[in-house]
Amino acid sequence: MRSFYRLVYRGLFPKKAHFGEQLDIKCSIIVGFSTYLEFQEEF
């Protein structure tokens, strides 16, 4: 969950994020969205 807040922080301050971090953000969004869908299916 800590990575989620870091993702939101990077979203609020995109100027501080490097190019590699931006790729990491996109991967985190994809992984987070897929885990979110799995979490929705359980309930």
C-alpha atoms as a PDB file:
ATOM      1  CA  MET A   1       0.000   0.000   0.000  1.00  0.00           C
ATOM      2  CA  ARG A   2       2.989   2.238   0.573  1.00  0.00           C
ATOM      3  CA  SER A   3       3.829   2.038  -3.122  1.00  0.00           C
ATOM      4  CA  PHE A   4       0.310   3.309  -3.883  1.00  0.00           C
ATOM      5  CA  TYR A   5       0.884   6.494  -1.895  1.00  0.00           C
ATOM      6  CA  ARG A   6       4.250   6.886  -3.598  1.00  0.00           C
ATOM      7  CA  LEU A   7       2.439   6.492  -6.917  1.00  0.00           C
ATOM      8  CA  VAL A   8      -0.042   9.221  -5.957  1.00  0.00           C
ATOM      9  CA  TYR A   9       2.829  11.427  -4.787  1.00  0.00           C
ATOM     10  CA  ARG A  10       4.575  11.020  -8.133  1.00  0.00           C
ATOM     11  CA  GLY A  11       1.292  11.775  -9.868  1.00  0.00           C
ATOM     12  CA  LEU A  12       1.004  15.045  -7.940  1.00  0.00           C
ATOM     13  CA  PHE A  13       4.639  15.950  -8.611  1.00  0.00           C
ATOM     14  CA  PRO A  14       5.453  14.621 -12.098  1.00  0.00           C
ATOM     15  CA  LYS A  15       8.373  17.042 -12.547  1.00  0.00           C
ATOM     16  CA  LYS A  16      10.382  15.235  -9.863  1.00  0.00           C
ATOM     17  CA  ALA A  17       9.913  11.856 -11.537  1.00  0.00           C
ATOM     18  CA  HIS A  18      12.608  10.688 -13.917  1.00  0.00           C
ATOM     19  CA  PHE A  19      11.924   8.832 -17.162  1.00  0.00           C
ATOM     20  CA  GLY A  20      12.576   5.455 -15.527  1.00  0.00           C
ATOM     21  CA  GLU A  21      10.178   6.299 -12.729  1.00  0.00           C
ATOM     22  CA  GLN A  22       7.508   7.249 -15.247  1.00  0.00           C
ATOM     23  CA  LEU A  23       7.807   3.764 -16.776  1.00  0.00           C
ATOM     24  CA  ASP A  24       7.593   2.345 -13.249  1.00  0.00           C
ATOM     25  CA  ILE A  25       4.436   4.401 -12.702  1.00  0.00           C
ATOM     26  CA  LYS A  26       2.787   2.931 -15.798  1.00  0.00           C
ATOM     27  CA  CYS A  27       3.691  -0.600 -14.679  1.00  0.00           C
ATOM     28  CA  SER A  28       2.406   0.137 -11.168  1.00  0.00           C
ATOM     29  CA  ILE A  29      -0.886   1.422 -12.575  1.00  0.00           C
ATOM     30  CA  ILE A  30      -1.349  -1.728 -14.673  1.00  0.00           C
ATOM     31  CA  VAL A  31      -0.471  -4.051 -11.785  1.00  0.00           C
ATOM     32  CA  GLY A  32      -2.534  -2.044  -9.307  1.00  0.00           C
ATOM     33  CA  PHE A  33      -5.555  -2.010 -11.602  1.00  0.00           C
ATOM     34  CA  SER A  34      -5.364  -5.770 -12.195  1.00  0.00           C
ATOM     35  CA  THR A  35      -5.080  -6.459  -8.458  1.00  0.00           C
ATOM     36  CA  TYR A  36      -7.999  -4.064  -7.890  1.00  0.00           C
ATOM     37  CA  LEU A  37     -10.160  -6.082 -10.290  1.00  0.00           C
ATOM     38  CA  GLU A  38      -9.177  -9.295  -8.523  1.00  0.00           C
ATOM     39  CA  PHE A  39     -10.051  -7.684  -5.191  1.00  0.00           C
ATOM     40  CA  GLN A  40     -13.473  -6.676  -6.543  1.00  0.00           C
ATOM     41  CA  GLU A  41     -14.192 -10.214  -7.727  1.00  0.00           C
ATOM     42  CA  GLU A  42     -13.606 -11.639  -4.249  1.00  0.00           C
ATOM     43  CA  PHE A  43     -16.404  -9.564  -2.708  1.00  0.00           C
END
